[in-house]
Every structure is written in C-alpha cells, then in structure tokens.
Amino acid sequence: MADLASRECVPCRGGVPPMNGAEILGLLQELSGWEAVEEHHLKKSYTFKNFRESLEFVNRVSQIAEEQGHHPNICFGWGRAEITIYTHKIDGLTESDFILAAKIDAMSVPPAVAGG
C-alpha cells in the first residue's frame, strides 16, 4: 500500500478502456479491506465512535480528493462512512482509483474499523 499511496492520481481524459480482471486483482492485493464491485468501482466501509469522528474522516478524505483532483462518492452518518471510488470519465476503474484508495488508508485519522 505504501507504494500506491506515494504516487499521484493522473487525470483521466477519457478514451481509455477501464481496467478489468487480472489488472484489478493485482492492484487490489496492494490495498487492505477494499473490494472491487463488478469490476466497476472500489468500495470500503469504516466505522467510528461517533458522528464527529465520521465527519472528521470525511473532511480529511475530501482534502486528499481535492489535492489529487480525483473525487470519490462518500456516504456517511453517525459512526460510519462508506467510500466508493471509480473514474467517472470512463465509468470504470483506473490506476488512480487504487492510488486514491491507498492514500485514504494511509492518512492519519482517529482509529477507524474497516468493515465490508
């Protein structure tokens, strides 16, 4: 994960095929707790002690997303957050999706429990 987390997301201009099969499985092995759903998007759930910790986590994810110019879908509420990542321009997965996932996991936040 450290290798992916140290890389930068590359803007997708479209016109490239989304990743599939072995490409996805290879990069997925470098992440912890993320799942590839129908070879279309990455998803991971987190749990927290309260709403404040959930919000702080979402705000930190938002900062990383802005820095990288790559924005996940985020759903959160009291004690939980779910992150969904894919490259909207091609409606599928690119390497940048895995990089963003690794960066999210590498950030320093209050302890969270990843769930499925």
N, C-alpha and C. Protein backbone atom coordinates (compact mmCIF):
# COMPACT_ATOMS: atom_id res chain seq x y z
N MET A 1 0.81 -1.19 0.00
CA MET A 1 0.00 0.00 0.00
C MET A 1 0.86 1.26 0.00
N ALA A 2 1.99 1.24 0.66
CA ALA A 2 2.84 2.42 0.73
C ALA A 2 3.26 2.88 -0.65
N ASP A 3 3.53 1.95 -1.55
CA ASP A 3 3.93 2.33 -2.90
C ASP A 3 2.79 3.06 -3.61
N LEU A 4 1.60 2.53 -3.57
CA LEU A 4 0.46 3.20 -4.20
C LEU A 4 0.20 4.55 -3.54
N ALA A 5 0.25 4.60 -2.23
CA ALA A 5 -0.04 5.84 -1.51
C ALA A 5 0.96 6.95 -1.81
N SER A 6 2.15 6.60 -2.23
CA SER A 6 3.17 7.62 -2.53
C SER A 6 3.06 8.17 -3.95
N ARG A 7 2.20 7.59 -4.74
CA ARG A 7 2.02 8.03 -6.13
C ARG A 7 0.95 9.11 -6.21
N GLU A 8 0.84 9.73 -7.37
CA GLU A 8 -0.15 10.78 -7.60
C GLU A 8 -1.21 10.30 -8.59
N CYS A 9 -2.45 10.72 -8.37
CA CYS A 9 -3.51 10.41 -9.31
C CYS A 9 -3.28 11.19 -10.61
N VAL A 10 -3.58 10.55 -11.71
CA VAL A 10 -3.42 11.17 -13.02
C VAL A 10 -4.80 11.43 -13.60
N PRO A 11 -5.07 12.67 -14.01
CA PRO A 11 -6.40 12.96 -14.56
C PRO A 11 -6.69 12.10 -15.79
N CYS A 12 -7.90 11.59 -15.84
CA CYS A 12 -8.32 10.77 -16.98
C CYS A 12 -9.02 11.68 -17.99
N ARG A 13 -8.59 11.61 -19.21
CA ARG A 13 -9.18 12.42 -20.26
C ARG A 13 -10.20 11.63 -21.07
N GLY A 14 -10.42 10.37 -20.68
CA GLY A 14 -11.34 9.53 -21.42
C GLY A 14 -10.63 8.82 -22.56
N GLY A 15 -11.36 8.00 -23.27
CA GLY A 15 -10.79 7.31 -24.42
C GLY A 15 -9.90 6.13 -24.09
N VAL A 16 -9.82 5.77 -22.82
CA VAL A 16 -9.04 4.59 -22.42
C VAL A 16 -10.01 3.57 -21.84
N PRO A 17 -9.74 2.30 -22.06
CA PRO A 17 -10.64 1.29 -21.50
C PRO A 17 -10.45 1.16 -19.99
N PRO A 18 -11.53 0.87 -19.27
CA PRO A 18 -11.38 0.63 -17.83
C PRO A 18 -10.60 -0.66 -17.58
N MET A 19 -9.99 -0.74 -16.42
CA MET A 19 -9.26 -1.95 -16.03
C MET A 19 -10.25 -3.09 -15.85
N ASN A 20 -9.73 -4.32 -15.96
CA ASN A 20 -10.55 -5.49 -15.67
C ASN A 20 -9.66 -6.64 -15.24
N GLY A 21 -10.30 -7.71 -14.80
CA GLY A 21 -9.63 -8.97 -14.49
C GLY A 21 -8.38 -8.88 -13.65
N ALA A 22 -7.30 -9.41 -14.22
CA ALA A 22 -6.03 -9.52 -13.51
C ALA A 22 -5.45 -8.17 -13.11
N GLU A 23 -5.69 -7.14 -13.92
CA GLU A 23 -5.20 -5.81 -13.57
C GLU A 23 -5.80 -5.35 -12.24
N ILE A 24 -7.10 -5.54 -12.11
CA ILE A 24 -7.79 -5.15 -10.88
C ILE A 24 -7.32 -5.99 -9.70
N LEU A 25 -7.27 -7.30 -9.89
CA LEU A 25 -6.85 -8.19 -8.80
C LEU A 25 -5.45 -7.88 -8.31
N GLY A 26 -4.55 -7.58 -9.24
CA GLY A 26 -3.17 -7.26 -8.86
C GLY A 26 -3.08 -6.04 -7.97
N LEU A 27 -3.79 -4.97 -8.35
CA LEU A 27 -3.75 -3.75 -7.55
C LEU A 27 -4.58 -3.88 -6.27
N LEU A 28 -5.64 -4.64 -6.32
CA LEU A 28 -6.48 -4.84 -5.14
C LEU A 28 -5.69 -5.51 -4.02
N GLN A 29 -4.75 -6.36 -4.37
CA GLN A 29 -3.91 -7.03 -3.38
C GLN A 29 -3.01 -6.05 -2.63
N GLU A 30 -2.81 -4.87 -3.20
CA GLU A 30 -1.99 -3.86 -2.53
C GLU A 30 -2.80 -3.00 -1.55
N LEU A 31 -4.10 -3.21 -1.51
CA LEU A 31 -4.98 -2.46 -0.61
C LEU A 31 -5.45 -3.36 0.52
N SER A 32 -5.97 -2.74 1.57
CA SER A 32 -6.47 -3.50 2.71
C SER A 32 -7.95 -3.20 2.93
N GLY A 33 -8.78 -4.22 2.78
CA GLY A 33 -10.20 -4.08 3.10
C GLY A 33 -11.07 -3.50 2.00
N TRP A 34 -10.50 -3.17 0.88
CA TRP A 34 -11.28 -2.65 -0.24
C TRP A 34 -11.79 -3.81 -1.08
N GLU A 35 -12.97 -3.62 -1.67
CA GLU A 35 -13.48 -4.62 -2.59
C GLU A 35 -13.72 -3.97 -3.95
N ALA A 36 -13.51 -4.73 -5.00
CA ALA A 36 -13.83 -4.29 -6.36
C ALA A 36 -15.20 -4.85 -6.68
N VAL A 37 -16.15 -3.98 -6.92
CA VAL A 37 -17.53 -4.39 -7.17
C VAL A 37 -17.78 -4.41 -8.68
N GLU A 38 -18.04 -5.61 -9.18
CA GLU A 38 -18.37 -5.83 -10.59
C GLU A 38 -17.35 -5.20 -11.55
N GLU A 39 -16.08 -5.19 -11.13
CA GLU A 39 -15.00 -4.59 -11.93
C GLU A 39 -15.31 -3.15 -12.33
N HIS A 40 -16.16 -2.49 -11.55
CA HIS A 40 -16.57 -1.13 -11.88
C HIS A 40 -16.08 -0.09 -10.87
N HIS A 41 -16.14 -0.42 -9.57
CA HIS A 41 -15.74 0.54 -8.56
C HIS A 41 -15.16 -0.14 -7.34
N LEU A 42 -14.41 0.65 -6.57
CA LEU A 42 -13.86 0.19 -5.30
C LEU A 42 -14.77 0.69 -4.19
N LYS A 43 -14.91 -0.12 -3.15
CA LYS A 43 -15.78 0.27 -2.04
C LYS A 43 -15.17 -0.21 -0.72
N LYS A 44 -15.30 0.66 0.28
CA LYS A 44 -14.86 0.29 1.62
C LYS A 44 -15.70 1.05 2.64
N SER A 45 -16.07 0.36 3.72
CA SER A 45 -16.83 0.97 4.81
C SER A 45 -15.94 1.13 6.03
N TYR A 46 -16.19 2.18 6.78
CA TYR A 46 -15.44 2.47 8.00
C TYR A 46 -16.45 2.72 9.12
N THR A 47 -16.09 2.36 10.33
CA THR A 47 -16.94 2.68 11.49
C THR A 47 -16.13 3.52 12.47
N PHE A 48 -16.85 4.38 13.19
CA PHE A 48 -16.23 5.31 14.14
C PHE A 48 -17.04 5.32 15.42
N LYS A 49 -16.50 5.99 16.43
CA LYS A 49 -17.16 6.05 17.74
C LYS A 49 -18.39 6.95 17.73
N ASN A 50 -18.40 7.96 16.86
CA ASN A 50 -19.50 8.92 16.89
C ASN A 50 -19.57 9.71 15.58
N PHE A 51 -20.49 10.64 15.51
CA PHE A 51 -20.67 11.44 14.30
C PHE A 51 -19.46 12.33 14.03
N ARG A 52 -18.93 12.93 15.09
CA ARG A 52 -17.79 13.85 14.93
C ARG A 52 -16.62 13.16 14.25
N GLU A 53 -16.29 11.93 14.67
CA GLU A 53 -15.18 11.20 14.05
C GLU A 53 -15.48 10.86 12.60
N SER A 54 -16.72 10.53 12.32
CA SER A 54 -17.10 10.25 10.93
C SER A 54 -16.90 11.50 10.07
N LEU A 55 -17.36 12.63 10.57
CA LEU A 55 -17.24 13.89 9.84
C LEU A 55 -15.77 14.28 9.64
N GLU A 56 -14.96 14.12 10.67
CA GLU A 56 -13.53 14.42 10.54
C GLU A 56 -12.89 13.54 9.47
N PHE A 57 -13.24 12.28 9.45
CA PHE A 57 -12.72 11.37 8.43
C PHE A 57 -13.13 11.83 7.03
N VAL A 58 -14.40 12.16 6.87
CA VAL A 58 -14.89 12.60 5.57
C VAL A 58 -14.19 13.89 5.13
N ASN A 59 -13.98 14.81 6.06
CA ASN A 59 -13.27 16.05 5.72
C ASN A 59 -11.84 15.79 5.28
N ARG A 60 -11.18 14.84 5.92
CA ARG A 60 -9.80 14.51 5.52
C ARG A 60 -9.78 13.84 4.15
N VAL A 61 -10.74 12.96 3.90
CA VAL A 61 -10.84 12.33 2.58
C VAL A 61 -11.07 13.41 1.53
N SER A 62 -11.91 14.38 1.84
CA SER A 62 -12.20 15.47 0.91
C SER A 62 -10.95 16.28 0.58
N GLN A 63 -10.11 16.50 1.57
CA GLN A 63 -8.85 17.23 1.33
C GLN A 63 -7.96 16.46 0.38
N ILE A 64 -7.82 15.17 0.60
CA ILE A 64 -7.00 14.35 -0.29
C ILE A 64 -7.58 14.36 -1.70
N ALA A 65 -8.90 14.23 -1.80
CA ALA A 65 -9.56 14.23 -3.11
C ALA A 65 -9.28 15.52 -3.87
N GLU A 66 -9.38 16.64 -3.18
CA GLU A 66 -9.10 17.92 -3.82
C GLU A 66 -7.64 18.03 -4.25
N GLU A 67 -6.72 17.61 -3.38
CA GLU A 67 -5.30 17.64 -3.72
C GLU A 67 -5.01 16.80 -4.95
N GLN A 68 -5.66 15.66 -5.06
CA GLN A 68 -5.41 14.72 -6.16
C GLN A 68 -6.26 15.00 -7.40
N GLY A 69 -7.27 15.83 -7.26
CA GLY A 69 -8.17 16.09 -8.38
C GLY A 69 -8.94 14.84 -8.78
N HIS A 70 -9.21 13.98 -7.80
CA HIS A 70 -9.91 12.72 -8.04
C HIS A 70 -10.88 12.53 -6.88
N HIS A 71 -12.17 12.49 -7.17
CA HIS A 71 -13.18 12.61 -6.13
C HIS A 71 -14.04 11.37 -5.98
N PRO A 72 -14.05 10.79 -4.78
CA PRO A 72 -14.87 9.61 -4.52
C PRO A 72 -16.32 10.01 -4.19
N ASN A 73 -17.17 9.04 -4.20
CA ASN A 73 -18.51 9.21 -3.65
C ASN A 73 -18.41 8.85 -2.17
N ILE A 74 -19.00 9.67 -1.32
CA ILE A 74 -18.92 9.46 0.12
C ILE A 74 -20.32 9.47 0.71
N CYS A 75 -20.62 8.45 1.47
CA CYS A 75 -21.88 8.38 2.21
C CYS A 75 -21.52 8.19 3.68
N PHE A 76 -22.04 9.09 4.54
CA PHE A 76 -21.67 8.95 5.95
C PHE A 76 -22.81 9.37 6.85
N GLY A 77 -22.70 8.95 8.09
CA GLY A 77 -23.66 9.31 9.12
C GLY A 77 -23.04 9.02 10.47
N TRP A 78 -23.87 8.88 11.49
CA TRP A 78 -23.37 8.66 12.83
C TRP A 78 -22.56 7.38 12.88
N GLY A 79 -21.25 7.51 13.16
CA GLY A 79 -20.37 6.37 13.38
C GLY A 79 -20.02 5.55 12.15
N ARG A 80 -20.26 6.08 10.96
CA ARG A 80 -19.95 5.29 9.76
C ARG A 80 -19.63 6.19 8.57
N ALA A 81 -18.89 5.61 7.65
CA ALA A 81 -18.62 6.26 6.36
C ALA A 81 -18.36 5.16 5.34
N GLU A 82 -18.85 5.38 4.14
CA GLU A 82 -18.59 4.44 3.05
C GLU A 82 -18.03 5.24 1.88
N ILE A 83 -16.92 4.75 1.35
CA ILE A 83 -16.25 5.40 0.23
C ILE A 83 -16.40 4.52 -1.00
N THR A 84 -16.80 5.12 -2.10
CA THR A 84 -16.88 4.44 -3.39
C THR A 84 -16.04 5.24 -4.38
N ILE A 85 -15.14 4.54 -5.06
CA ILE A 85 -14.22 5.21 -5.99
C ILE A 85 -14.29 4.56 -7.36
N TYR A 86 -14.41 5.37 -8.38
CA TYR A 86 -14.23 4.94 -9.76
C TYR A 86 -13.95 6.17 -10.60
N THR A 87 -13.50 5.97 -11.80
CA THR A 87 -13.19 7.08 -12.69
C THR A 87 -14.43 7.38 -13.52
N HIS A 88 -15.07 8.47 -13.22
CA HIS A 88 -16.33 8.84 -13.84
C HIS A 88 -16.21 9.00 -15.36
N LYS A 89 -15.09 9.53 -15.80
CA LYS A 89 -14.91 9.81 -17.22
C LYS A 89 -15.02 8.56 -18.09
N ILE A 90 -14.60 7.41 -17.55
CA ILE A 90 -14.68 6.17 -18.33
C ILE A 90 -15.65 5.17 -17.72
N ASP A 91 -16.32 5.57 -16.64
CA ASP A 91 -17.29 4.73 -15.95
C ASP A 91 -16.71 3.37 -15.58
N GLY A 92 -15.53 3.40 -14.97
CA GLY A 92 -14.85 2.18 -14.55
C GLY A 92 -13.61 2.51 -13.76
N LEU A 93 -12.76 1.52 -13.59
CA LEU A 93 -11.56 1.65 -12.76
C LEU A 93 -10.31 1.99 -13.56
N THR A 94 -9.50 2.88 -12.99
CA THR A 94 -8.16 3.17 -13.49
C THR A 94 -7.19 3.04 -12.31
N GLU A 95 -5.93 3.11 -12.60
CA GLU A 95 -4.92 3.03 -11.54
C GLU A 95 -5.10 4.13 -10.51
N SER A 96 -5.55 5.30 -10.93
CA SER A 96 -5.76 6.41 -10.00
C SER A 96 -6.76 6.08 -8.91
N ASP A 97 -7.73 5.23 -9.21
CA ASP A 97 -8.70 4.83 -8.19
C ASP A 97 -8.01 4.07 -7.06
N PHE A 98 -7.08 3.21 -7.41
CA PHE A 98 -6.34 2.44 -6.41
C PHE A 98 -5.38 3.34 -5.64
N ILE A 99 -4.80 4.30 -6.31
CA ILE A 99 -3.91 5.26 -5.65
C ILE A 99 -4.69 6.06 -4.61
N LEU A 100 -5.87 6.55 -4.99
CA LEU A 100 -6.69 7.31 -4.04
C LEU A 100 -7.09 6.44 -2.86
N ALA A 101 -7.48 5.20 -3.10
CA ALA A 101 -7.84 4.29 -2.01
C ALA A 101 -6.66 4.12 -1.04
N ALA A 102 -5.47 3.94 -1.57
CA ALA A 102 -4.28 3.77 -0.72
C ALA A 102 -4.00 5.04 0.07
N LYS A 103 -4.18 6.20 -0.54
CA LYS A 103 -3.95 7.46 0.16
C LYS A 103 -4.95 7.64 1.30
N ILE A 104 -6.19 7.25 1.07
CA ILE A 104 -7.21 7.35 2.11
C ILE A 104 -6.82 6.47 3.30
N ASP A 105 -6.37 5.26 3.02
CA ASP A 105 -5.99 4.37 4.11
C ASP A 105 -4.72 4.80 4.82
N ALA A 106 -3.86 5.52 4.12
CA ALA A 106 -2.59 5.93 4.71
C ALA A 106 -2.70 7.21 5.56
N MET A 107 -3.80 7.94 5.40
CA MET A 107 -3.91 9.21 6.13
C MET A 107 -4.04 8.96 7.63
N SER A 108 -3.61 9.92 8.38
CA SER A 108 -3.66 9.83 9.84
C SER A 108 -5.00 10.37 10.31
N VAL A 109 -5.84 9.49 10.83
CA VAL A 109 -7.16 9.87 11.32
C VAL A 109 -7.40 9.15 12.64
N PRO A 110 -8.45 9.56 13.35
CA PRO A 110 -8.79 8.77 14.55
C PRO A 110 -8.99 7.32 14.16
N PRO A 111 -8.69 6.39 15.02
CA PRO A 111 -8.80 4.97 14.68
C PRO A 111 -10.19 4.65 14.13
N ALA A 112 -10.20 3.95 13.01
CA ALA A 112 -11.45 3.52 12.39
C ALA A 112 -11.39 2.01 12.22
N VAL A 113 -12.54 1.42 12.19
CA VAL A 113 -12.62 -0.01 11.96
C VAL A 113 -13.19 -0.21 10.57
N ALA A 114 -12.43 -0.83 9.67
CA ALA A 114 -12.92 -1.08 8.33
C ALA A 114 -13.91 -2.22 8.38
N GLY A 115 -14.94 -2.07 7.63
CA GLY A 115 -15.94 -3.12 7.55
C GLY A 115 -16.24 -3.43 6.11
N GLY A 116 -17.08 -4.40 5.86
CA GLY A 116 -17.39 -4.78 4.50
C GLY A 116 -18.69 -4.33 4.11
